[in-house]
């Protein structure tokens, strides 16, 4: 995955109605947490900062430190591996969501505990930075 020159606003506009304002809120929050400015990765992901990784298999690449993808149906926030197992208390405090190994899916930010979300982002960022090569 690599960053592009695509304007951030173009990706944000994929979220319509109230989700567009929520996407703006997420840009602000991820920017504050990371201290980085937003850049579009892979044509659809808004990333903040970058790090290099290398798997035991030898595969390596670059990825954003924090990232999310706004969409018409949900926001996808990319976090460190197994975040829900690492910090179950925070995930439980979030409110309505779905989760996978590395993704947090939020249909709406309505009802999401912003403090829990911010702490989750901070912990994920710290963990990612500690693992970066």
N, C-alpha and C. Protein backbone atom coordinates (compact mmCIF):
# COMPACT_ATOMS: atom_id res chain seq x y z
N UNK A 1 0.85 -1.16 0.00
CA UNK A 1 0.00 0.00 0.00
C UNK A 1 0.90 1.23 0.00
N UNK A 2 0.45 2.26 -0.68
CA UNK A 2 1.25 3.48 -0.72
C UNK A 2 0.35 4.71 -0.75
N UNK A 3 0.91 5.84 -0.29
CA UNK A 3 0.14 7.09 -0.32
C UNK A 3 -0.03 7.59 -1.74
N UNK A 4 -1.03 8.44 -1.94
CA UNK A 4 -1.29 9.00 -3.27
C UNK A 4 -1.46 10.51 -3.17
N UNK A 5 -1.64 11.15 -4.30
CA UNK A 5 -1.89 12.59 -4.35
C UNK A 5 -3.38 12.92 -4.40
N UNK A 6 -4.22 11.92 -4.28
CA UNK A 6 -5.66 12.13 -4.32
C UNK A 6 -6.06 13.06 -3.17
N UNK A 7 -6.89 14.05 -3.43
CA UNK A 7 -7.31 14.96 -2.36
C UNK A 7 -8.13 14.22 -1.30
N UNK A 8 -7.85 14.52 -0.05
CA UNK A 8 -8.56 13.91 1.07
C UNK A 8 -10.06 14.18 0.96
N UNK A 9 -10.44 15.39 0.56
CA UNK A 9 -11.86 15.74 0.45
C UNK A 9 -12.60 14.82 -0.51
N UNK A 10 -11.93 14.36 -1.54
CA UNK A 10 -12.57 13.47 -2.51
C UNK A 10 -12.96 12.14 -1.86
N UNK A 11 -12.12 11.64 -0.97
CA UNK A 11 -12.43 10.40 -0.26
C UNK A 11 -13.48 10.65 0.81
N UNK A 12 -13.38 11.77 1.51
CA UNK A 12 -14.37 12.10 2.54
C UNK A 12 -15.76 12.23 1.95
N UNK A 13 -15.85 12.72 0.74
CA UNK A 13 -17.15 12.92 0.10
C UNK A 13 -17.86 11.61 -0.24
N UNK A 14 -17.19 10.48 -0.09
CA UNK A 14 -17.84 9.18 -0.31
C UNK A 14 -18.82 8.87 0.82
N UNK A 15 -18.65 9.58 1.94
CA UNK A 15 -19.60 9.46 3.04
C UNK A 15 -20.60 10.60 2.87
N UNK A 16 -21.87 10.26 2.82
CA UNK A 16 -22.90 11.27 2.57
C UNK A 16 -23.70 11.57 3.83
N UNK A 17 -24.40 12.68 3.80
CA UNK A 17 -25.28 13.06 4.90
C UNK A 17 -24.53 13.18 6.20
N UNK A 18 -25.11 12.65 7.29
CA UNK A 18 -24.47 12.76 8.61
C UNK A 18 -23.12 12.06 8.68
N UNK A 19 -22.92 11.02 7.87
CA UNK A 19 -21.64 10.31 7.89
C UNK A 19 -20.50 11.20 7.39
N UNK A 20 -20.82 12.18 6.56
CA UNK A 20 -19.78 13.10 6.07
C UNK A 20 -19.24 13.94 7.23
N UNK A 21 -20.12 14.46 8.07
CA UNK A 21 -19.68 15.23 9.24
C UNK A 21 -18.91 14.33 10.21
N UNK A 22 -19.33 13.07 10.33
CA UNK A 22 -18.62 12.12 11.18
C UNK A 22 -17.22 11.84 10.62
N UNK A 23 -17.10 11.76 9.31
CA UNK A 23 -15.80 11.55 8.69
C UNK A 23 -14.87 12.72 9.01
N UNK A 24 -15.42 13.93 8.97
CA UNK A 24 -14.62 15.11 9.34
C UNK A 24 -14.17 15.02 10.80
N UNK A 25 -15.06 14.55 11.66
CA UNK A 25 -14.72 14.39 13.08
C UNK A 25 -13.60 13.36 13.25
N UNK A 26 -13.68 12.27 12.49
CA UNK A 26 -12.64 11.24 12.57
C UNK A 26 -11.30 11.76 12.06
N UNK A 27 -11.32 12.56 10.99
CA UNK A 27 -10.08 13.16 10.49
C UNK A 27 -9.44 14.01 11.59
N UNK A 28 -10.25 14.81 12.25
CA UNK A 28 -9.73 15.67 13.32
C UNK A 28 -9.17 14.83 14.47
N UNK A 29 -9.91 13.81 14.88
CA UNK A 29 -9.47 12.99 16.01
C UNK A 29 -8.19 12.22 15.69
N UNK A 30 -8.13 11.56 14.53
CA UNK A 30 -6.94 10.80 14.18
C UNK A 30 -5.75 11.73 13.97
N UNK A 31 -6.00 12.92 13.45
CA UNK A 31 -4.93 13.89 13.29
C UNK A 31 -4.38 14.37 14.62
N UNK A 32 -5.27 14.63 15.58
CA UNK A 32 -4.84 15.05 16.92
C UNK A 32 -4.06 13.95 17.62
N UNK A 33 -4.55 12.73 17.55
CA UNK A 33 -3.91 11.61 18.22
C UNK A 33 -2.53 11.33 17.61
N UNK A 34 -2.44 11.36 16.29
CA UNK A 34 -1.19 11.00 15.62
C UNK A 34 -0.20 12.16 15.49
N UNK A 35 -0.73 13.39 15.46
CA UNK A 35 0.14 14.54 15.20
C UNK A 35 0.54 14.63 13.74
N UNK A 36 -0.14 13.88 12.90
CA UNK A 36 0.18 13.83 11.46
C UNK A 36 -0.97 14.40 10.65
N UNK A 37 -0.68 14.79 9.42
CA UNK A 37 -1.74 15.29 8.55
C UNK A 37 -2.27 14.13 7.70
N UNK A 38 -3.52 14.23 7.26
CA UNK A 38 -4.13 13.13 6.50
C UNK A 38 -3.61 13.04 5.07
N UNK A 39 -3.45 11.81 4.62
CA UNK A 39 -3.02 11.50 3.25
C UNK A 39 -3.83 10.31 2.78
N UNK A 40 -4.23 10.30 1.53
CA UNK A 40 -4.99 9.19 0.98
C UNK A 40 -4.04 8.05 0.59
N UNK A 41 -4.38 6.86 1.04
CA UNK A 41 -3.64 5.64 0.72
C UNK A 41 -4.57 4.73 -0.08
N UNK A 42 -4.01 4.06 -1.07
CA UNK A 42 -4.74 3.06 -1.86
C UNK A 42 -6.06 3.59 -2.43
N UNK A 43 -6.16 4.88 -2.62
CA UNK A 43 -7.32 5.47 -3.27
C UNK A 43 -8.59 5.57 -2.44
N UNK A 44 -8.57 5.02 -1.19
CA UNK A 44 -9.81 5.04 -0.40
C UNK A 44 -9.61 5.14 1.10
N UNK A 45 -8.38 5.03 1.55
CA UNK A 45 -8.08 5.04 2.99
C UNK A 45 -7.40 6.36 3.35
N UNK A 46 -7.86 6.98 4.42
CA UNK A 46 -7.22 8.21 4.89
C UNK A 46 -6.28 7.81 6.02
N UNK A 47 -4.99 7.98 5.75
CA UNK A 47 -3.96 7.56 6.70
C UNK A 47 -3.24 8.73 7.32
N UNK A 48 -2.66 8.48 8.49
CA UNK A 48 -1.94 9.48 9.25
C UNK A 48 -0.58 8.91 9.62
N UNK A 49 0.49 9.54 9.12
CA UNK A 49 1.83 9.03 9.38
C UNK A 49 2.08 7.76 8.57
N UNK A 50 3.25 7.17 8.76
CA UNK A 50 3.59 5.94 8.05
C UNK A 50 4.66 5.19 8.83
N UNK A 51 4.67 3.89 8.63
CA UNK A 51 5.73 3.06 9.20
C UNK A 51 6.01 1.93 8.23
N UNK A 52 7.18 1.32 8.41
CA UNK A 52 7.56 0.17 7.59
C UNK A 52 7.44 -1.08 8.44
N UNK A 53 6.96 -2.15 7.82
CA UNK A 53 6.82 -3.41 8.54
C UNK A 53 7.50 -4.52 7.76
N UNK A 54 7.80 -5.59 8.47
CA UNK A 54 8.36 -6.78 7.84
C UNK A 54 7.85 -8.00 8.62
N UNK A 55 7.21 -8.89 7.88
CA UNK A 55 6.70 -10.12 8.49
C UNK A 55 7.82 -11.15 8.57
N UNK A 56 7.61 -12.17 9.40
CA UNK A 56 8.60 -13.25 9.52
C UNK A 56 8.84 -13.93 8.18
N UNK A 57 7.84 -13.90 7.31
CA UNK A 57 7.96 -14.51 5.99
C UNK A 57 8.90 -13.74 5.08
N UNK A 58 9.26 -12.52 5.50
CA UNK A 58 10.13 -11.68 4.68
C UNK A 58 9.36 -10.61 3.92
N UNK A 59 8.06 -10.75 3.83
CA UNK A 59 7.23 -9.74 3.16
C UNK A 59 7.32 -8.44 3.94
N UNK A 60 7.49 -7.34 3.21
CA UNK A 60 7.58 -6.04 3.86
C UNK A 60 6.81 -4.99 3.10
N UNK A 61 6.56 -3.88 3.74
CA UNK A 61 5.82 -2.81 3.10
C UNK A 61 5.69 -1.60 3.99
N UNK A 62 4.86 -0.67 3.55
CA UNK A 62 4.56 0.55 4.30
C UNK A 62 3.07 0.61 4.54
N UNK A 63 2.72 1.22 5.65
CA UNK A 63 1.30 1.38 6.00
C UNK A 63 1.17 2.64 6.85
N UNK A 64 -0.03 3.20 6.92
CA UNK A 64 -0.24 4.34 7.80
C UNK A 64 -0.23 3.91 9.27
N UNK A 65 0.21 4.80 10.14
CA UNK A 65 0.20 4.53 11.58
C UNK A 65 -1.23 4.39 12.10
N UNK A 66 -2.08 5.29 11.67
CA UNK A 66 -3.52 5.24 11.97
C UNK A 66 -4.24 5.49 10.67
N UNK A 67 -5.41 4.88 10.50
CA UNK A 67 -6.14 5.08 9.25
C UNK A 67 -7.61 4.73 9.41
N UNK A 68 -8.40 5.30 8.52
CA UNK A 68 -9.81 4.92 8.43
C UNK A 68 -10.28 5.14 7.01
N UNK A 69 -11.36 4.45 6.67
CA UNK A 69 -11.99 4.59 5.37
C UNK A 69 -13.45 4.98 5.59
N UNK A 70 -13.82 6.18 5.15
CA UNK A 70 -15.22 6.56 5.25
C UNK A 70 -16.00 5.89 4.12
N UNK A 71 -17.25 5.64 4.36
CA UNK A 71 -18.06 5.03 3.31
C UNK A 71 -19.51 5.39 3.45
N UNK A 72 -20.30 5.02 2.47
CA UNK A 72 -21.73 5.36 2.50
C UNK A 72 -22.50 4.60 3.59
N UNK A 73 -22.01 3.43 4.02
CA UNK A 73 -22.73 2.63 5.00
C UNK A 73 -22.06 2.55 6.36
N UNK A 74 -20.73 2.71 6.39
CA UNK A 74 -20.00 2.58 7.66
C UNK A 74 -18.62 3.22 7.53
N UNK A 75 -18.02 3.49 8.70
CA UNK A 75 -16.64 3.94 8.77
C UNK A 75 -15.82 2.73 9.20
N UNK A 76 -14.70 2.50 8.53
CA UNK A 76 -13.81 1.41 8.90
C UNK A 76 -12.54 2.03 9.46
N UNK A 77 -12.23 1.72 10.71
CA UNK A 77 -11.02 2.23 11.35
C UNK A 77 -10.04 1.08 11.47
N UNK A 78 -8.82 1.29 10.98
CA UNK A 78 -7.79 0.25 10.98
C UNK A 78 -6.93 0.41 12.23
N UNK A 79 -6.83 -0.68 12.99
CA UNK A 79 -6.09 -0.66 14.25
C UNK A 79 -5.07 -1.79 14.29
N UNK A 80 -4.33 -1.87 15.37
CA UNK A 80 -3.31 -2.90 15.54
C UNK A 80 -3.98 -4.28 15.63
N UNK A 81 -3.25 -5.32 15.22
CA UNK A 81 -3.76 -6.70 15.27
C UNK A 81 -4.34 -7.04 16.63
N UNK A 82 -5.47 -7.73 16.61
CA UNK A 82 -6.11 -8.26 17.82
C UNK A 82 -6.44 -7.19 18.86
N UNK A 83 -6.78 -6.00 18.39
CA UNK A 83 -7.06 -4.90 19.32
C UNK A 83 -8.19 -5.24 20.28
N UNK A 84 -9.20 -5.97 19.81
CA UNK A 84 -10.34 -6.27 20.68
C UNK A 84 -9.97 -7.27 21.78
N UNK A 85 -8.97 -8.11 21.52
CA UNK A 85 -8.49 -9.03 22.55
C UNK A 85 -7.52 -8.34 23.50
N UNK A 86 -6.78 -7.36 22.99
CA UNK A 86 -5.81 -6.62 23.82
C UNK A 86 -6.52 -5.71 24.83
N UNK A 87 -7.57 -5.05 24.37
CA UNK A 87 -8.23 -4.04 25.19
C UNK A 87 -9.75 -4.24 25.20
N UNK A 88 -10.21 -5.37 25.73
CA UNK A 88 -11.64 -5.66 25.71
C UNK A 88 -12.47 -4.63 26.48
N UNK A 89 -11.90 -4.04 27.53
CA UNK A 89 -12.63 -3.03 28.30
C UNK A 89 -12.96 -1.81 27.45
N UNK A 90 -12.01 -1.37 26.64
CA UNK A 90 -12.24 -0.22 25.76
C UNK A 90 -13.24 -0.56 24.66
N UNK A 91 -13.08 -1.72 24.08
CA UNK A 91 -13.98 -2.13 23.00
C UNK A 91 -15.41 -2.24 23.53
N UNK A 92 -15.57 -2.77 24.74
CA UNK A 92 -16.90 -2.89 25.34
C UNK A 92 -17.51 -1.52 25.63
N UNK A 93 -16.65 -0.54 25.96
CA UNK A 93 -17.13 0.81 26.30
C UNK A 93 -17.48 1.64 25.07
N UNK A 94 -17.10 1.18 23.89
CA UNK A 94 -17.32 1.96 22.67
C UNK A 94 -18.79 2.24 22.37
N UNK A 95 -19.63 1.27 22.59
CA UNK A 95 -21.01 1.38 22.15
C UNK A 95 -21.19 0.50 20.92
N UNK A 96 -22.17 0.82 20.09
CA UNK A 96 -22.50 0.00 18.93
C UNK A 96 -21.36 -0.02 17.91
N UNK A 97 -20.89 -1.25 17.59
CA UNK A 97 -19.80 -1.42 16.63
C UNK A 97 -19.73 -2.90 16.22
N UNK A 98 -18.91 -3.16 15.22
CA UNK A 98 -18.49 -4.51 14.86
C UNK A 98 -16.98 -4.48 14.79
N UNK A 99 -16.34 -5.63 14.97
CA UNK A 99 -14.88 -5.67 14.94
C UNK A 99 -14.40 -6.94 14.25
N UNK A 100 -13.26 -6.83 13.60
CA UNK A 100 -12.55 -7.99 13.06
C UNK A 100 -11.14 -7.95 13.66
N UNK A 101 -10.25 -8.69 13.11
CA UNK A 101 -8.89 -8.77 13.65
C UNK A 101 -8.21 -7.41 13.72
N UNK A 102 -8.35 -6.60 12.67
CA UNK A 102 -7.68 -5.29 12.64
C UNK A 102 -8.62 -4.12 12.34
N UNK A 103 -9.90 -4.39 12.14
CA UNK A 103 -10.82 -3.33 11.75
C UNK A 103 -11.93 -3.13 12.78
N UNK A 104 -12.22 -1.87 13.01
CA UNK A 104 -13.36 -1.47 13.83
C UNK A 104 -14.36 -0.83 12.88
N UNK A 105 -15.58 -1.37 12.85
CA UNK A 105 -16.61 -0.88 11.94
C UNK A 105 -17.65 -0.10 12.74
N UNK A 106 -17.85 1.15 12.37
CA UNK A 106 -18.83 2.00 13.03
C UNK A 106 -19.85 2.45 12.00
N UNK A 107 -21.09 2.02 12.17
CA UNK A 107 -22.14 2.45 11.25
C UNK A 107 -22.37 3.94 11.40
N UNK A 108 -22.42 4.40 12.63
CA UNK A 108 -22.58 5.82 12.95
C UNK A 108 -21.77 6.12 14.20
N UNK A 109 -21.37 7.36 14.37
CA UNK A 109 -20.68 7.76 15.59
C UNK A 109 -21.66 8.08 16.71
N UNK A 110 -22.93 8.20 16.37
CA UNK A 110 -23.96 8.42 17.38
C UNK A 110 -23.91 7.26 18.37
N UNK A 111 -23.77 7.58 19.63
CA UNK A 111 -23.72 6.54 20.65
C UNK A 111 -22.35 5.96 20.90
N UNK A 112 -21.34 6.36 20.11
CA UNK A 112 -19.98 5.86 20.33
C UNK A 112 -19.32 6.74 21.39
N UNK A 113 -18.73 6.12 22.39
CA UNK A 113 -18.04 6.84 23.44
C UNK A 113 -16.72 7.39 22.87
N UNK A 114 -16.67 8.71 22.69
CA UNK A 114 -15.49 9.33 22.07
C UNK A 114 -14.23 9.14 22.90
N UNK A 115 -14.37 9.15 24.23
CA UNK A 115 -13.21 8.94 25.09
C UNK A 115 -12.62 7.55 24.91
N UNK A 116 -13.48 6.54 24.85
CA UNK A 116 -13.02 5.17 24.64
C UNK A 116 -12.39 5.03 23.26
N UNK A 117 -12.99 5.66 22.25
CA UNK A 117 -12.45 5.60 20.90
C UNK A 117 -11.07 6.25 20.85
N UNK A 118 -10.94 7.42 21.46
CA UNK A 118 -9.66 8.13 21.46
C UNK A 118 -8.58 7.30 22.17
N UNK A 119 -8.92 6.70 23.31
CA UNK A 119 -7.94 5.88 24.04
C UNK A 119 -7.55 4.67 23.21
N UNK A 120 -8.51 4.06 22.52
CA UNK A 120 -8.21 2.93 21.65
C UNK A 120 -7.26 3.34 20.54
N UNK A 121 -7.49 4.50 19.94
CA UNK A 121 -6.59 5.02 18.90
C UNK A 121 -5.19 5.26 19.46
N UNK A 122 -5.12 5.86 20.64
CA UNK A 122 -3.82 6.15 21.26
C UNK A 122 -3.04 4.88 21.55
N UNK A 123 -3.73 3.87 22.08
CA UNK A 123 -3.05 2.60 22.39
C UNK A 123 -2.62 1.88 21.12
N UNK A 124 -3.47 1.90 20.10
CA UNK A 124 -3.12 1.26 18.83
C UNK A 124 -1.90 1.94 18.21
N UNK A 125 -1.89 3.26 18.24
CA UNK A 125 -0.77 4.02 17.69
C UNK A 125 0.52 3.68 18.44
N UNK A 126 0.48 3.67 19.77
CA UNK A 126 1.66 3.36 20.56
C UNK A 126 2.18 1.96 20.25
N UNK A 127 1.27 1.00 20.13
CA UNK A 127 1.66 -0.36 19.82
C UNK A 127 2.26 -0.47 18.42
N UNK A 128 1.66 0.20 17.45
CA UNK A 128 2.18 0.19 16.09
C UNK A 128 3.57 0.80 16.04
N UNK A 129 3.75 1.92 16.72
CA UNK A 129 5.08 2.56 16.75
C UNK A 129 6.12 1.65 17.40
N UNK A 130 5.74 0.92 18.42
CA UNK A 130 6.69 0.04 19.10
C UNK A 130 7.08 -1.15 18.23
N UNK A 131 6.22 -1.54 17.30
CA UNK A 131 6.49 -2.68 16.43
C UNK A 131 7.18 -2.29 15.13
N UNK A 132 7.16 -1.00 14.79
CA UNK A 132 7.72 -0.55 13.51
C UNK A 132 9.22 -0.81 13.48
N UNK A 133 9.69 -1.11 12.28
CA UNK A 133 11.14 -1.34 12.17
C UNK A 133 11.86 -0.09 11.81
